[in-house]
Protein backbone atom coordinates (compact mmCIF):
# COMPACT_ATOMS: atom_id res chain seq x y z
CA UNK A 1 0.00 0.00 0.00
CA UNK A 2 2.82 2.32 0.93
CA UNK A 3 4.66 1.44 -2.28
CA UNK A 4 1.60 2.38 -4.35
CA UNK A 5 1.31 5.69 -2.51
CA UNK A 6 4.96 6.49 -3.15
CA UNK A 7 4.65 5.57 -6.82
CA UNK A 8 1.49 7.69 -7.23
CA UNK A 9 3.09 10.64 -5.49
CA UNK A 10 6.19 10.33 -7.65
CA UNK A 11 4.15 10.17 -10.85
CA UNK A 12 2.08 13.22 -9.93
CA UNK A 13 5.18 15.09 -8.83
CA UNK A 14 7.00 14.17 -12.02
CA UNK A 15 4.07 15.29 -14.18
CA UNK A 16 3.94 18.57 -12.29
CA UNK A 17 7.66 19.08 -12.83
CA UNK A 18 7.39 18.36 -16.54
CA UNK A 19 4.37 20.63 -16.96
CA UNK A 20 6.07 23.40 -14.98
CA UNK A 21 9.15 23.19 -17.17
CA UNK A 22 6.91 23.24 -20.25
CA UNK A 23 5.09 26.33 -19.07
CA UNK A 24 8.37 28.03 -18.24
CA UNK A 25 9.77 27.31 -21.70
CA UNK A 26 6.50 28.43 -23.35
CA UNK A 27 6.47 31.69 -21.41
CA UNK A 28 9.97 32.44 -22.68
CA UNK A 29 9.15 31.45 -26.26
CA UNK A 30 5.94 33.48 -26.45
CA UNK A 31 7.01 36.36 -24.23
CA UNK A 32 5.79 39.72 -25.52
CA UNK A 33 8.66 42.10 -25.10
CA UNK A 34 7.57 45.51 -23.86
CA UNK A 35 9.57 48.51 -25.02
CA UNK A 36 10.66 50.34 -21.83
CA UNK A 37 9.96 53.64 -23.61
CA UNK A 38 6.22 52.90 -23.47
CA UNK A 39 6.22 53.30 -19.68
CA UNK A 40 8.25 56.52 -19.96
CA UNK A 41 5.85 57.97 -22.51
CA UNK A 42 2.82 56.93 -20.47
CA UNK A 43 4.29 58.62 -17.40
CA UNK A 44 4.39 62.06 -19.03
CA UNK A 45 0.97 61.86 -20.72
CA UNK A 46 -1.78 63.93 -19.05
CA UNK A 47 -3.99 60.92 -18.29
CA UNK A 48 -7.17 62.51 -19.61
CA UNK A 49 -8.08 59.43 -21.66
CA UNK A 50 -10.20 61.71 -23.82
CA UNK A 51 -9.57 59.97 -27.13
CA UNK A 52 -8.70 63.16 -29.00
CA UNK A 53 -5.53 61.47 -30.29
CA UNK A 54 -7.64 58.86 -32.07
CA UNK A 55 -6.74 56.09 -29.63
CA UNK A 56 -8.85 54.51 -26.91
CA UNK A 57 -6.87 56.18 -24.15
CA UNK A 58 -3.43 57.27 -22.95
CA UNK A 59 -2.11 53.69 -22.65
CA UNK A 60 -2.97 52.96 -26.27
CA UNK A 61 -1.50 56.29 -27.40
CA UNK A 62 1.77 55.59 -25.58
CA UNK A 63 2.10 52.24 -27.33
CA UNK A 64 1.14 53.79 -30.67
CA UNK A 65 3.69 56.60 -30.38
CA UNK A 66 6.55 54.28 -29.48
CA UNK A 67 5.68 51.99 -32.39
CA UNK A 68 5.78 54.99 -34.71
CA UNK A 69 2.13 54.67 -35.72
CA UNK A 70 1.06 57.94 -34.04
CA UNK A 71 2.59 61.41 -34.31
CA UNK A 72 4.18 62.67 -31.11
CA UNK A 73 2.18 65.89 -31.43
CA UNK A 74 -1.09 63.93 -31.47
CA UNK A 75 -2.09 64.75 -27.90
CA UNK A 76 -3.98 68.04 -28.01
CA UNK A 77 -4.31 68.10 -24.22
CA UNK A 78 -0.53 68.10 -23.68
CA UNK A 79 0.22 70.53 -26.50
CA UNK A 80 3.71 71.62 -27.49
CA UNK A 81 5.24 71.02 -24.06
CA UNK A 82 4.25 67.35 -24.16
CA UNK A 83 5.37 66.94 -27.77
CA UNK A 84 8.83 68.23 -26.79
CA UNK A 85 9.03 65.75 -23.89
CA UNK A 86 8.02 62.85 -26.12
CA UNK A 87 10.62 63.95 -28.65
CA UNK A 88 13.31 63.75 -25.96
CA UNK A 89 12.18 60.27 -24.87
CA UNK A 90 12.08 58.91 -28.40
CA UNK A 91 15.13 60.76 -29.64
CA UNK A 92 13.35 62.61 -32.43
CA UNK A 93 12.58 66.23 -33.20
CA UNK A 94 9.11 67.22 -32.03
CA UNK A 95 6.74 68.58 -34.64
CA UNK A 96 5.17 71.97 -34.09
CA UNK A 97 1.78 71.71 -32.44
CA UNK A 98 -0.81 74.04 -33.93
CA UNK A 99 -2.93 74.69 -30.88
CA UNK A 100 -6.65 74.57 -31.44
CA UNK A 101 -9.67 75.52 -29.40
CA UNK A 102 -13.36 74.70 -29.63
CA UNK A 103 -15.59 77.45 -31.04
CA UNK A 104 -19.37 77.70 -30.89
CA UNK A 105 -20.41 78.79 -34.37
CA UNK A 106 -23.51 80.54 -33.12
CA UNK A 107 -24.21 83.85 -31.43
CA UNK A 108 -27.90 83.28 -30.89
CA UNK A 109 -28.54 84.07 -27.25
CA UNK A 110 -32.12 84.41 -26.02
CA UNK A 111 -31.69 88.17 -26.31
CA UNK A 112 -31.02 88.22 -30.05
CA UNK A 113 -32.60 85.01 -31.37
CA UNK A 114 -36.36 84.41 -31.42
CA UNK A 115 -38.06 81.27 -30.13
CA UNK A 116 -40.68 79.09 -31.82
CA UNK A 117 -42.12 77.72 -28.59
CA UNK A 118 -41.42 77.26 -24.88
CA UNK A 119 -39.64 73.97 -24.27
CA UNK A 120 -40.52 72.09 -21.07
CA UNK A 121 -38.98 68.70 -21.81
CA UNK A 122 -35.89 67.01 -20.41
CA UNK A 123 -32.73 69.09 -20.32
CA UNK A 124 -31.06 67.38 -23.25
CA UNK A 125 -30.08 69.09 -26.50
CA UNK A 126 -30.52 65.98 -28.63
CA UNK A 127 -34.02 65.36 -27.26
CA UNK A 128 -35.07 68.99 -27.75
CA UNK A 129 -33.61 69.06 -31.28
CA UNK A 130 -35.82 66.12 -32.22
CA UNK A 131 -38.88 68.24 -31.45
CA UNK A 132 -39.37 70.40 -34.57
CA UNK A 133 -35.64 71.16 -34.62
CA UNK A 134 -35.67 72.64 -31.13
CA UNK A 135 -37.28 75.73 -29.56
CA UNK A 136 -35.05 78.27 -31.33
CA UNK A 137 -36.48 80.03 -34.38
CA UNK A 138 -33.17 79.24 -36.08
CA UNK A 139 -33.12 75.48 -36.64
CA UNK A 140 -29.32 75.60 -37.03
CA UNK A 141 -28.59 77.37 -33.74
CA UNK A 142 -27.45 76.30 -30.29
CA UNK A 143 -30.14 74.53 -28.27
CA UNK A 144 -28.46 75.62 -25.04
CA UNK A 145 -29.37 72.69 -22.79
CA UNK A 146 -25.82 71.65 -22.03
CA UNK A 147 -25.00 68.37 -23.80
CA UNK A 148 -21.59 69.88 -24.58
CA UNK A 149 -21.15 71.01 -20.98
CA UNK A 150 -21.73 67.48 -19.69
CA UNK A 151 -19.42 66.00 -22.32
CA UNK A 152 -16.47 68.31 -21.59
CA UNK A 153 -13.93 66.64 -19.25
CA UNK A 154 -12.20 69.96 -18.52
CA UNK A 155 -15.15 72.13 -17.39
CA UNK A 156 -14.42 74.44 -20.30
CA UNK A 157 -18.02 75.15 -21.34
CA UNK A 158 -20.80 77.10 -19.65
CA UNK A 159 -24.29 78.08 -20.78
CA UNK A 160 -25.06 81.79 -20.69
CA UNK A 161 -28.38 83.25 -21.82
CA UNK A 162 -29.24 80.05 -23.66
CA UNK A 163 -25.95 79.85 -25.55
CA UNK A 164 -22.91 77.64 -24.96
CA UNK A 165 -19.66 79.52 -24.31
CA UNK A 166 -16.14 78.11 -24.47
CA UNK A 167 -13.70 79.08 -21.71
CA UNK A 168 -10.63 79.15 -23.92
CA UNK A 169 -8.11 78.96 -21.06
CA UNK A 170 -9.57 75.60 -20.02
CA UNK A 171 -10.26 74.09 -23.45
CA UNK A 172 -7.87 71.30 -24.50
CA UNK A 173 -9.38 70.68 -27.94
CA UNK A 174 -10.32 67.11 -27.09
CA UNK A 175 -13.37 67.22 -29.37
CA UNK A 176 -15.85 65.70 -26.93
CA UNK A 177 -18.16 68.70 -27.31
CA UNK A 178 -18.06 68.39 -31.10
CA UNK A 179 -19.31 64.81 -30.83
CA UNK A 180 -21.99 65.73 -28.29
CA UNK A 181 -23.58 68.64 -30.17
CA UNK A 182 -26.67 67.49 -32.13
CA UNK A 183 -26.58 70.66 -34.23
CA UNK A 184 -22.93 70.22 -35.31
CA UNK A 185 -22.17 73.86 -34.58
CA UNK A 186 -18.96 73.35 -32.59
CA UNK A 187 -15.72 73.40 -34.54
CA UNK A 188 -12.04 73.19 -33.70
CA UNK A 189 -10.24 76.31 -34.90
CA UNK A 190 -6.66 77.46 -34.60
CA UNK A 191 -6.12 79.19 -31.29
CA UNK A 192 -4.20 82.00 -32.97
CA UNK A 193 -7.24 82.97 -35.02
CA UNK A 194 -9.04 85.94 -33.46
CA UNK A 195 -11.97 86.19 -35.86
CA UNK A 196 -14.75 83.73 -36.63
CA UNK A 197 -18.25 83.78 -38.08
CA UNK A 198 -20.51 82.94 -35.15
CA UNK A 199 -23.32 81.53 -37.23
CA UNK A 200 -24.18 78.15 -38.76
CA UNK A 201 -27.42 78.98 -40.53
CA UNK A 202 -27.75 77.83 -44.13
CA UNK A 203 -30.97 79.81 -44.60
CA UNK A 204 -31.20 82.72 -47.00
CA UNK A 205 -30.37 86.15 -45.66
CA UNK A 206 -33.96 87.30 -45.25
CA UNK A 207 -34.91 84.29 -43.14
CA UNK A 208 -31.74 84.58 -41.05
CA UNK A 209 -32.43 88.25 -40.38
CA UNK A 210 -36.01 87.47 -39.37
CA UNK A 211 -34.95 84.81 -36.85
CA UNK A 212 -31.72 86.19 -35.41
CA UNK A 213 -30.24 89.67 -35.11
CA UNK A 214 -26.61 88.50 -35.29
CA UNK A 215 -26.80 85.82 -38.00
CA UNK A 216 -24.79 85.80 -41.22
CA UNK A 217 -26.98 87.05 -44.10
CA UNK A 218 -24.50 86.25 -46.87
CA UNK A 219 -23.97 89.83 -48.01
CA UNK A 220 -20.32 89.04 -48.90
CA UNK A 221 -19.05 92.41 -47.68
CA UNK A 222 -16.50 90.57 -45.54
CA UNK A 223 -14.95 88.65 -48.42
CA UNK A 224 -14.65 91.81 -50.51
CA UNK A 225 -12.45 93.56 -47.94
CA UNK A 226 -10.37 90.54 -46.86
CA UNK A 227 -6.76 91.09 -48.04
CA UNK A 228 -5.80 87.39 -47.86
CA UNK A 229 -8.89 85.71 -49.33
CA UNK A 230 -9.42 83.93 -46.02
CA UNK A 231 -13.22 84.02 -46.34
CA UNK A 232 -15.19 81.56 -48.40
CA UNK A 233 -18.90 80.76 -48.57
CA UNK A 234 -20.92 77.60 -48.08
CA UNK A 235 -24.09 78.74 -49.77
CA UNK A 236 -24.85 82.03 -48.07
CA UNK A 237 -22.79 81.30 -44.95
CA UNK A 238 -19.37 82.91 -44.60
CA UNK A 239 -16.45 80.83 -43.28
CA UNK A 240 -13.09 82.19 -42.11
CA UNK A 241 -9.99 80.06 -42.66
CA UNK A 242 -7.94 80.75 -39.52
CA UNK A 243 -4.84 79.31 -41.20
CA UNK A 244 -4.94 82.12 -43.77
CA UNK A 245 -6.51 84.92 -41.70
CA UNK A 246 -4.04 87.60 -40.52
CA UNK A 247 -6.40 88.99 -37.88
CA UNK A 248 -6.64 92.40 -39.51
CA UNK A 249 -10.28 92.84 -38.49
CA UNK A 250 -11.46 94.34 -41.78
CA UNK A 251 -14.24 91.74 -42.09
CA UNK A 252 -15.65 92.40 -38.63
CA UNK A 253 -15.63 96.14 -39.29
CA UNK A 254 -17.95 95.84 -42.31
CA UNK A 255 -20.24 93.01 -41.11
CA UNK A 256 -23.71 94.59 -40.87
CA UNK A 257 -25.08 92.12 -38.32
CA UNK A 258 -22.07 91.62 -36.08
CA UNK A 259 -21.90 87.92 -36.99
CA UNK A 260 -18.10 88.09 -37.13
CA UNK A 261 -16.68 88.03 -33.63
CA UNK A 262 -13.31 89.12 -32.34
CA UNK A 263 -12.34 86.83 -29.49
CA UNK A 264 -10.29 89.57 -27.85
CA UNK A 265 -13.41 91.72 -27.46
CA UNK A 266 -15.78 89.02 -26.19
CA UNK A 267 -17.00 89.40 -22.63
CA UNK A 268 -15.82 86.76 -20.23
CA UNK A 269 -18.51 84.18 -19.58
CA UNK A 270 -17.32 83.29 -16.08
């Protein structure tokens, strides 16, 4: 009986030894080598996990950058300072980061834009927009119920007088607000650009004027005075290319409705 017990124990022990050795060899053969630079890159990333870089989060971006699949200036939250750090870690020259900021392409506050009806539903822009395009007389304008505010991970948006406002000092251009807006009126523009057309209406000038005091009516006065041809038109709606604009202010000076805003002159919303 004792002999059988010893034999059984020996067999089990031997099998365990063989299996353990097999697992050890397999772990070496199939070991996934991790580039130590990934941890260094991850350490300096901001940790926002916002997805603005196109990856699922900071861990994925770190891996992507080290593998050379992502540009080191791809993190809008970290900006130029982060790009320079990543360049040092990876031993490459950092590209210039063109800083961007979110911009609400609408100036239709309750004071200047008419309403079609009083909305008493849930405080959700998407839900309100599904009801006859929303309460605003301009079906292209800001609903003002804060979907963008709730989506922003940096507390960079507030609602004032029924209109979303970007706090530029807090904005990190992550794009979450762009995705959240059911009206598609939030755009990422170059931070250096001072002038923008705060309107998204594709209606004809007469209808725009009837609904909103500060809407773009497509008069084209702005494009006629622009010295760099930075203004184009989508139908009757003017668009300013901030990459070409030299911030001279000629367009804003001739705009009859005040649809072209100068960020330097805007009142602080907080």
